[in-house]
Amino acid sequence: MKLSRTDILLMAFCTGLIVANIYYCQPLVILIAKEFHISESYAGRTTYLTQAGYALGLFLLVPLGDMFERRKQILVITMVAIAALLLAYFAPSFLVLEIACVFIGASSIVPQLILPMAANLVSDEERGHTVGIIMSGLLIGILASRAVSGAIGFVWGWRSMFLIAAVICVFLLLLMGKRFPKSQPDFKGSYRQLMASLLTYIKTQPVLRETSIINFLAFATLSGFWTTMVLYLSGPPFNFQSMQVGLFGIAGAAGAMAAPLVGKFSDGRDPAKNIIIGLVMELISIAAFYFTGSHVYLFVIGIILLDIGQQSIHVTNQTRIYALVPEARNRLNTVFMSVSFVGASAGSALGLWLWDLGHWPAFCIGSALMITANIGIYFFYRGRQQRSLA
């Protein structure tokens, strides 16, 4: 079966709404802290616990897409997501909410099953563009989720967001069950053999190692920003409410529209050039954040540059790994995305630590150093590649 334009757009739609589950909690940190009488930085644990759960789900569940029928796996995991979201809605204590956040993250890996499914059903020439379209849906979901969550939390309270998300997932469950194609796997071994093969690919695929390390640091930078910016914007000179903080996600969503274009470039002869462009854009964005002061327009420009830069890095890297071993796309994606979201979780924790250390200036300086290190890693691998071709 070949995917039509409608199928691809449907996958992008589902991907965006499901991945949003991971990010709803970010603008709600202040409201959660007030209800449970804890500090805002401690309430921020919900952000990196959700991301840690996502990394766990990526590592343990996504490889099964090479072993079991993907549509059935997608539907079962979406059912778990519904249960986890309802647990967050009814959470009687912060500890229960933390547990729910881990399960919300682990059950929100459906987009990483949809992407390999789509990659298997399109031609090599169309793969980058298709991945770009679906990634556009995913990234718009990530960024718009913050605006939606902030507004809903402000009007109806933070719990209502998790209930609404559960209802959305019920709708998606019915839609995906009816419209998604069946996708038969190629792997015939045991789960133990499946997981053992991850190490084999890490050892034998230098491009997988390169893309994973670069994505680790890129995701750490992005996630650290979106976690810390809530604390920055809620204090002086801005003193924004959760709804106002969430609206900044719209600026990031504007950057997400670049994903299909990046995907097209990723089908070219030397897609890795997109990565250095993305890293430079991230560095410029951090400079804009550092000099923001009371100028909101600089902050918005920084968000747009940061998210376009992130897309240049991520879409390019994901397209590169899908071209390596077609029959193992889920496993390659597992390594790549697990490392990426461990980076995201570490970035959120690091951002909170830097905030406690020296507030916004400390976060900006730490992020600039991390991006600079990533640029060094990029040129290290480029030099290695050129020497191997010489």
Protein backbone atom coordinates (compact mmCIF):
# COMPACT_ATOMS: atom_id res chain seq x y z
CA MET A 1 0.00 0.00 0.00
CA LYS A 2 1.21 3.52 -0.87
CA LEU A 3 0.31 6.55 1.24
CA SER A 4 -1.87 9.26 -0.26
CA ARG A 5 -1.56 12.92 0.63
CA THR A 6 -4.63 12.56 2.84
CA ASP A 7 -3.06 9.62 4.71
CA ILE A 8 0.10 11.61 5.37
CA LEU A 9 -1.85 14.63 6.65
CA LEU A 10 -3.93 12.36 8.87
CA MET A 11 -0.76 10.87 10.34
CA ALA A 12 0.59 14.37 10.95
CA PHE A 13 -2.69 15.32 12.69
CA CYS A 14 -2.65 12.28 14.99
CA THR A 15 1.05 12.68 15.69
CA GLY A 16 0.62 16.30 16.78
CA LEU A 17 -2.29 15.63 19.11
CA ILE A 18 -0.66 12.63 20.79
CA VAL A 19 2.80 14.11 21.30
CA ALA A 20 1.12 17.15 22.88
CA ASN A 21 0.43 14.98 25.95
CA ILE A 22 4.10 15.28 26.93
CA TYR A 23 4.08 19.08 27.00
CA TYR A 24 0.74 20.06 28.52
CA CYS A 25 2.29 20.15 31.99
CA GLN A 26 4.92 22.81 31.18
CA PRO A 27 2.79 26.00 31.40
CA LEU A 28 0.87 24.43 34.32
CA VAL A 29 3.88 24.20 36.66
CA ILE A 30 2.94 27.38 38.54
CA LEU A 31 -0.68 26.22 39.06
CA ILE A 32 0.47 22.73 40.17
CA ALA A 33 2.90 24.29 42.66
CA LYS A 34 0.12 26.38 44.19
CA GLU A 35 -2.29 23.48 44.62
CA PHE A 36 0.24 21.14 46.22
CA HIS A 37 2.03 23.91 48.19
CA ILE A 38 5.46 23.21 46.73
CA SER A 39 8.07 25.40 45.04
CA GLU A 40 7.75 26.09 41.32
CA SER A 41 11.14 24.53 40.58
CA TYR A 42 10.07 21.36 42.45
CA ALA A 43 6.76 21.27 40.55
CA GLY A 44 8.91 21.46 37.41
CA ARG A 45 9.84 17.81 38.07
CA THR A 46 6.66 16.91 36.17
CA THR A 47 8.29 18.16 32.97
CA TYR A 48 11.39 16.02 33.07
CA LEU A 49 9.63 12.98 34.55
CA THR A 50 7.25 13.04 31.57
CA GLN A 51 10.23 13.24 29.22
CA ALA A 52 12.05 10.48 31.10
CA GLY A 53 8.92 8.30 30.74
CA TYR A 54 8.91 9.07 27.02
CA ALA A 55 12.55 7.98 26.74
CA LEU A 56 11.68 4.76 28.61
CA GLY A 57 8.76 4.06 26.28
CA LEU A 58 10.95 4.74 23.26
CA PHE A 59 13.55 2.25 24.43
CA LEU A 60 11.21 -0.56 25.54
CA LEU A 61 8.18 -0.23 23.23
CA VAL A 62 9.17 1.34 19.91
CA PRO A 63 11.41 -1.60 18.85
CA LEU A 64 8.32 -3.81 18.96
CA GLY A 65 7.18 -2.06 15.77
CA ASP A 66 9.75 -4.21 13.92
CA MET A 67 8.25 -7.31 15.57
CA PHE A 68 4.47 -6.79 15.85
CA GLU A 69 1.80 -5.30 13.62
CA ARG A 70 2.15 -1.53 14.07
CA ARG A 71 -1.50 -0.43 13.95
CA LYS A 72 -2.47 -2.81 16.76
CA GLN A 73 0.49 -1.63 18.85
CA ILE A 74 -0.49 2.00 18.27
CA LEU A 75 -4.06 1.36 19.46
CA VAL A 76 -3.02 -0.53 22.62
CA ILE A 77 -0.51 2.14 23.64
CA THR A 78 -3.09 4.89 23.05
CA MET A 79 -5.40 3.09 25.50
CA VAL A 80 -2.63 3.23 28.11
CA ALA A 81 -2.24 6.96 27.42
CA ILE A 82 -5.94 7.51 28.14
CA ALA A 83 -5.61 5.73 31.50
CA ALA A 84 -2.48 7.72 32.42
CA LEU A 85 -4.10 11.06 31.59
CA LEU A 86 -7.11 10.19 33.74
CA LEU A 87 -4.76 9.25 36.60
CA ALA A 88 -3.20 12.73 36.35
CA TYR A 89 -6.65 14.32 36.36
CA PHE A 90 -7.66 12.51 39.57
CA ALA A 91 -4.20 12.68 41.25
CA PRO A 92 -4.74 13.20 45.01
CA SER A 93 -1.08 14.08 45.66
CA PHE A 94 1.98 15.35 43.83
CA LEU A 95 3.58 11.90 44.09
CA VAL A 96 0.66 10.33 42.20
CA LEU A 97 0.90 13.10 39.61
CA GLU A 98 4.62 12.34 39.17
CA ILE A 99 3.82 8.65 38.59
CA ALA A 100 1.08 9.60 36.12
CA CYS A 101 3.53 11.86 34.26
CA VAL A 102 5.98 8.97 33.78
CA PHE A 103 3.19 6.85 32.26
CA ILE A 104 1.92 9.75 30.14
CA GLY A 105 5.40 10.06 28.68
CA ALA A 106 5.87 6.32 28.13
CA SER A 107 2.49 6.01 26.36
CA SER A 108 3.00 9.05 24.13
CA ILE A 109 5.50 7.26 21.85
CA VAL A 110 2.85 6.63 19.19
CA PRO A 111 4.36 9.29 16.85
CA GLN A 112 7.59 7.27 16.82
CA LEU A 113 5.59 4.28 15.55
CA ILE A 114 3.75 6.37 12.95
CA LEU A 115 6.96 7.83 11.47
CA PRO A 116 8.61 4.47 10.60
CA MET A 117 5.25 3.22 9.31
CA ALA A 118 5.08 6.18 6.94
CA ALA A 119 8.75 5.82 5.95
CA ASN A 120 8.10 2.20 4.95
CA LEU A 121 5.15 3.14 2.74
CA VAL A 122 6.77 5.85 0.58
CA SER A 123 9.57 5.85 -1.99
CA ASP A 124 13.15 6.86 -1.19
CA GLU A 125 12.66 10.10 -3.15
CA GLU A 126 9.60 11.08 -1.10
CA ARG A 127 10.80 9.94 2.33
CA GLY A 128 12.39 13.18 3.52
CA HIS A 129 9.41 15.27 2.43
CA THR A 130 6.95 12.84 4.06
CA VAL A 131 8.93 12.78 7.32
CA GLY A 132 9.00 16.58 7.17
CA ILE A 133 5.21 16.85 6.86
CA ILE A 134 4.59 14.45 9.75
CA MET A 135 7.28 16.17 11.82
CA SER A 136 5.57 19.47 11.10
CA GLY A 137 2.39 18.06 12.67
CA LEU A 138 4.40 16.73 15.58
CA LEU A 139 6.19 20.01 16.22
CA ILE A 140 3.06 22.12 15.85
CA GLY A 141 1.46 19.78 18.39
CA ILE A 142 4.37 20.26 20.78
CA LEU A 143 4.36 24.02 20.50
CA ALA A 144 0.63 24.70 20.25
CA SER A 145 0.04 22.39 23.23
CA ARG A 146 1.68 24.95 25.48
CA ALA A 147 -0.64 27.74 24.33
CA VAL A 148 -3.72 25.52 24.69
CA SER A 149 -2.61 24.17 28.06
CA GLY A 150 -1.80 27.60 29.45
CA ALA A 151 -5.19 28.98 28.43
CA ILE A 152 -7.20 25.99 29.70
CA GLY A 153 -5.25 25.91 32.96
CA PHE A 154 -5.88 29.62 33.50
CA VAL A 155 -9.64 29.34 32.89
CA TRP A 156 -10.55 25.89 34.30
CA GLY A 157 -7.53 24.78 36.32
CA TRP A 158 -4.62 22.48 35.51
CA ARG A 159 -6.56 19.22 36.02
CA SER A 160 -9.03 20.00 33.24
CA MET A 161 -6.22 19.89 30.66
CA PHE A 162 -5.52 16.24 31.41
CA LEU A 163 -9.21 15.34 31.18
CA ILE A 164 -9.54 17.09 27.80
CA ALA A 165 -6.39 15.31 26.59
CA ALA A 166 -7.91 11.95 27.56
CA VAL A 167 -11.06 12.74 25.56
CA ILE A 168 -8.93 13.73 22.55
CA CYS A 169 -7.07 10.40 22.77
CA VAL A 170 -10.38 8.49 22.78
CA PHE A 171 -11.31 10.26 19.53
CA LEU A 172 -7.89 9.50 18.01
CA LEU A 173 -8.16 5.86 19.05
CA LEU A 174 -11.34 5.49 17.00
CA LEU A 175 -9.92 7.46 14.06
CA MET A 176 -6.63 5.53 13.89
CA GLY A 177 -8.41 2.19 14.25
CA LYS A 178 -10.55 3.00 11.23
CA ARG A 179 -8.07 4.77 8.93
CA PHE A 180 -4.53 3.56 9.62
CA PRO A 181 -3.15 0.85 7.31
CA LYS A 182 -1.84 -2.45 8.63
CA SER A 183 1.95 -2.61 8.60
CA GLN A 184 3.53 -6.06 8.84
CA PRO A 185 6.98 -6.34 10.47
CA ASP A 186 10.09 -8.01 9.04
CA PHE A 187 11.78 -9.19 12.27
CA LYS A 188 11.09 -12.84 13.19
CA GLY A 189 13.24 -13.32 16.31
CA SER A 190 12.53 -12.95 20.05
CA TYR A 191 12.23 -9.73 22.04
CA ARG A 192 15.64 -10.44 23.59
CA GLN A 193 17.21 -10.75 20.15
CA LEU A 194 15.37 -7.62 19.04
CA MET A 195 16.80 -5.59 21.92
CA ALA A 196 20.27 -7.10 21.50
CA SER A 197 20.28 -5.93 17.89
CA LEU A 198 20.12 -2.32 19.13
CA LEU A 199 23.70 -2.65 20.37
CA THR A 200 24.75 -4.10 17.03
CA TYR A 201 23.38 -1.09 15.18
CA ILE A 202 25.01 1.32 17.62
CA LYS A 203 28.37 -0.37 17.01
CA THR A 204 28.09 -0.72 13.23
CA GLN A 205 26.31 2.53 12.20
CA PRO A 206 28.48 5.65 12.69
CA VAL A 207 25.74 7.90 11.28
CA LEU A 208 23.38 6.62 13.99
CA ARG A 209 25.94 7.50 16.67
CA GLU A 210 26.57 10.94 15.20
CA THR A 211 22.90 11.90 14.81
CA SER A 212 22.02 10.61 18.29
CA ILE A 213 24.75 12.60 20.06
CA ILE A 214 23.93 15.80 18.19
CA ASN A 215 20.21 15.35 18.85
CA PHE A 216 20.89 14.69 22.56
CA LEU A 217 22.41 18.14 22.98
CA ALA A 218 19.91 19.85 20.66
CA PHE A 219 16.95 18.42 22.59
CA ALA A 220 18.62 19.32 25.90
CA THR A 221 18.89 22.94 24.75
CA LEU A 222 15.29 23.12 23.50
CA SER A 223 13.76 21.37 26.50
CA GLY A 224 15.80 23.39 28.97
CA PHE A 225 14.48 26.56 27.37
CA TRP A 226 10.79 25.57 27.42
CA THR A 227 11.04 24.47 31.06
CA THR A 228 12.96 27.51 32.31
CA MET A 229 11.10 30.14 30.30
CA VAL A 230 7.98 29.51 32.41
CA LEU A 231 9.90 30.64 35.50
CA TYR A 232 11.45 33.58 33.62
CA LEU A 233 8.21 34.95 32.20
CA SER A 234 6.23 34.49 35.43
CA GLY A 235 8.64 36.80 37.31
CA PRO A 236 9.61 40.45 36.87
CA PRO A 237 9.64 42.40 34.61
CA PHE A 238 6.90 40.37 32.86
CA ASN A 239 4.83 38.71 35.64
CA PHE A 240 2.81 36.74 33.08
CA GLN A 241 0.01 34.31 33.98
CA SER A 242 -0.03 30.69 32.70
CA MET A 243 -2.27 31.64 29.76
CA GLN A 244 0.12 34.39 28.63
CA VAL A 245 3.13 32.08 29.01
CA GLY A 246 1.41 29.40 26.94
CA LEU A 247 0.79 31.83 24.09
CA PHE A 248 4.52 31.96 23.38
CA GLY A 249 4.12 28.44 22.00
CA ILE A 250 2.42 30.02 18.98
CA ALA A 251 5.72 31.69 18.04
CA GLY A 252 7.38 28.28 18.10
CA ALA A 253 4.57 26.80 16.03
CA ALA A 254 5.35 29.36 13.30
CA GLY A 255 8.86 27.89 13.14
CA ALA A 256 7.42 24.39 12.87
CA MET A 257 6.03 25.23 9.43
CA ALA A 258 9.60 24.94 8.11
CA ALA A 259 9.70 21.15 8.63
CA PRO A 260 8.43 20.07 5.16
CA LEU A 261 10.96 22.39 3.50
CA VAL A 262 13.76 20.99 5.66
CA GLY A 263 12.55 17.50 4.76
CA LYS A 264 12.91 18.28 1.05
CA PHE A 265 16.48 19.50 1.56
CA SER A 266 17.16 16.33 3.56
CA ASP A 267 16.53 14.28 0.41
CA GLY A 268 19.46 16.06 -1.28
CA ARG A 269 23.07 15.11 -1.80
CA ASP A 270 24.53 16.53 1.45
CA PRO A 271 21.69 16.92 3.98
CA ALA A 272 24.13 17.20 6.90
CA LYS A 273 24.71 20.86 5.96
CA ASN A 274 21.25 21.58 7.37
CA ILE A 275 22.58 20.60 10.80
CA ILE A 276 25.23 23.32 11.07
CA ILE A 277 22.67 25.89 9.85
CA GLY A 278 20.34 24.76 12.63
CA LEU A 279 23.07 24.93 15.28
CA VAL A 280 24.05 28.47 14.29
CA MET A 281 20.39 29.52 14.44
CA GLU A 282 20.13 28.05 17.94
CA LEU A 283 23.19 30.02 19.05
CA ILE A 284 21.74 33.27 17.68
CA SER A 285 18.46 32.53 19.47
CA ILE A 286 20.24 32.19 22.82
CA ALA A 287 21.89 35.58 22.23
CA ALA A 288 18.41 37.06 21.66
CA PHE A 289 17.20 35.48 24.93
CA TYR A 290 20.21 36.81 26.87
CA PHE A 291 19.66 40.39 25.69
CA THR A 292 15.84 40.27 25.95
CA GLY A 293 15.63 42.44 29.07
CA SER A 294 12.07 43.80 28.93
CA HIS A 295 11.84 43.53 25.12
CA VAL A 296 9.31 40.79 24.38
CA TYR A 297 9.90 41.06 20.62
CA LEU A 298 13.50 39.81 21.07
CA PHE A 299 12.17 36.86 23.04
CA VAL A 300 9.68 35.98 20.27
CA ILE A 301 12.41 36.23 17.59
CA GLY A 302 14.55 33.93 19.71
CA ILE A 303 11.77 31.34 19.98
CA ILE A 304 11.21 31.29 16.21
CA LEU A 305 14.94 30.92 15.49
CA LEU A 306 15.33 28.22 18.15
CA ASP A 307 12.50 26.11 16.76
CA ILE A 308 13.51 26.46 13.10
CA GLY A 309 17.05 25.53 14.11
CA GLN A 310 15.79 22.52 16.04
CA GLN A 311 13.78 21.37 13.02
CA SER A 312 16.77 21.71 10.72
CA ILE A 313 18.73 19.43 13.05
CA HIS A 314 16.04 16.91 13.93
CA VAL A 315 14.28 16.36 10.58
CA THR A 316 17.62 16.06 8.80
CA ASN A 317 18.97 13.57 11.32
CA GLN A 318 15.78 11.48 11.29
CA THR A 319 15.76 11.31 7.49
CA ARG A 320 19.41 10.22 7.53
CA ILE A 321 18.81 7.30 9.91
CA TYR A 322 15.75 6.06 8.00
CA ALA A 323 18.00 5.64 4.96
CA LEU A 324 20.42 3.30 6.78
CA VAL A 325 18.71 -0.10 7.32
CA PRO A 326 15.11 -0.17 5.97
CA GLU A 327 14.07 -3.37 7.78
CA ALA A 328 15.20 -1.97 11.14
CA ARG A 329 13.72 1.53 11.04
CA ASN A 330 11.88 1.13 14.35
CA ARG A 331 15.05 -0.01 16.12
CA LEU A 332 17.17 2.76 14.60
CA ASN A 333 14.46 5.23 15.59
CA THR A 334 14.47 3.73 19.09
CA VAL A 335 18.16 4.46 19.59
CA PHE A 336 17.91 7.90 17.99
CA MET A 337 14.80 9.09 19.83
CA SER A 338 15.65 7.45 23.18
CA VAL A 339 18.95 9.32 23.25
CA SER A 340 17.16 12.50 22.10
CA PHE A 341 14.61 12.39 24.91
CA VAL A 342 17.12 11.44 27.55
CA GLY A 343 18.72 14.68 26.36
CA ALA A 344 15.37 16.47 26.70
CA SER A 345 14.90 15.18 30.25
CA ALA A 346 18.48 16.07 31.18
CA GLY A 347 18.01 19.51 29.59
CA SER A 348 14.92 20.22 31.70
CA ALA A 349 16.75 19.17 34.87
CA LEU A 350 19.83 21.18 33.86
CA GLY A 351 17.70 24.22 33.04
CA LEU A 352 16.11 24.13 36.51
CA TRP A 353 19.56 23.72 38.10
CA LEU A 354 20.97 26.67 36.14
CA TRP A 355 17.92 28.71 37.12
CA ASP A 356 18.56 28.01 40.81
CA LEU A 357 22.24 28.81 40.24
CA GLY A 358 21.87 32.18 38.52
CA HIS A 359 18.39 32.53 37.00
CA TRP A 360 17.99 33.51 33.32
CA PRO A 361 21.58 34.69 32.60
CA ALA A 362 22.99 31.41 33.94
CA PHE A 363 20.60 29.41 31.75
CA CYS A 364 21.55 31.40 28.62
CA ILE A 365 25.30 31.01 29.25
CA GLY A 366 24.93 27.28 29.94
CA SER A 367 22.87 26.80 26.78
CA ALA A 368 25.38 28.72 24.64
CA LEU A 369 28.18 26.47 25.92
CA MET A 370 26.10 23.37 25.12
CA ILE A 371 25.40 24.53 21.55
CA THR A 372 29.08 25.40 21.07
CA ALA A 373 30.00 21.86 22.17
CA ASN A 374 27.47 20.50 19.67
CA ILE A 375 29.05 22.52 16.86
CA GLY A 376 32.41 21.00 17.82
CA ILE A 377 30.90 17.50 17.66
CA TYR A 378 29.44 18.24 14.22
CA PHE A 379 32.82 19.29 12.80
CA PHE A 380 34.55 16.33 14.48
CA TYR A 381 32.27 13.87 12.63
CA ARG A 382 32.48 15.85 9.37
CA GLY A 383 36.28 15.70 9.53
CA ARG A 384 36.15 11.98 10.23
CA GLN A 385 33.83 11.41 7.29
CA GLN A 386 36.06 13.40 4.94
CA ARG A 387 39.17 11.47 6.07
CA SER A 388 37.42 8.14 5.47
CA LEU A 389 36.53 9.23 1.90
CA ALA A 390 40.08 10.47 1.16
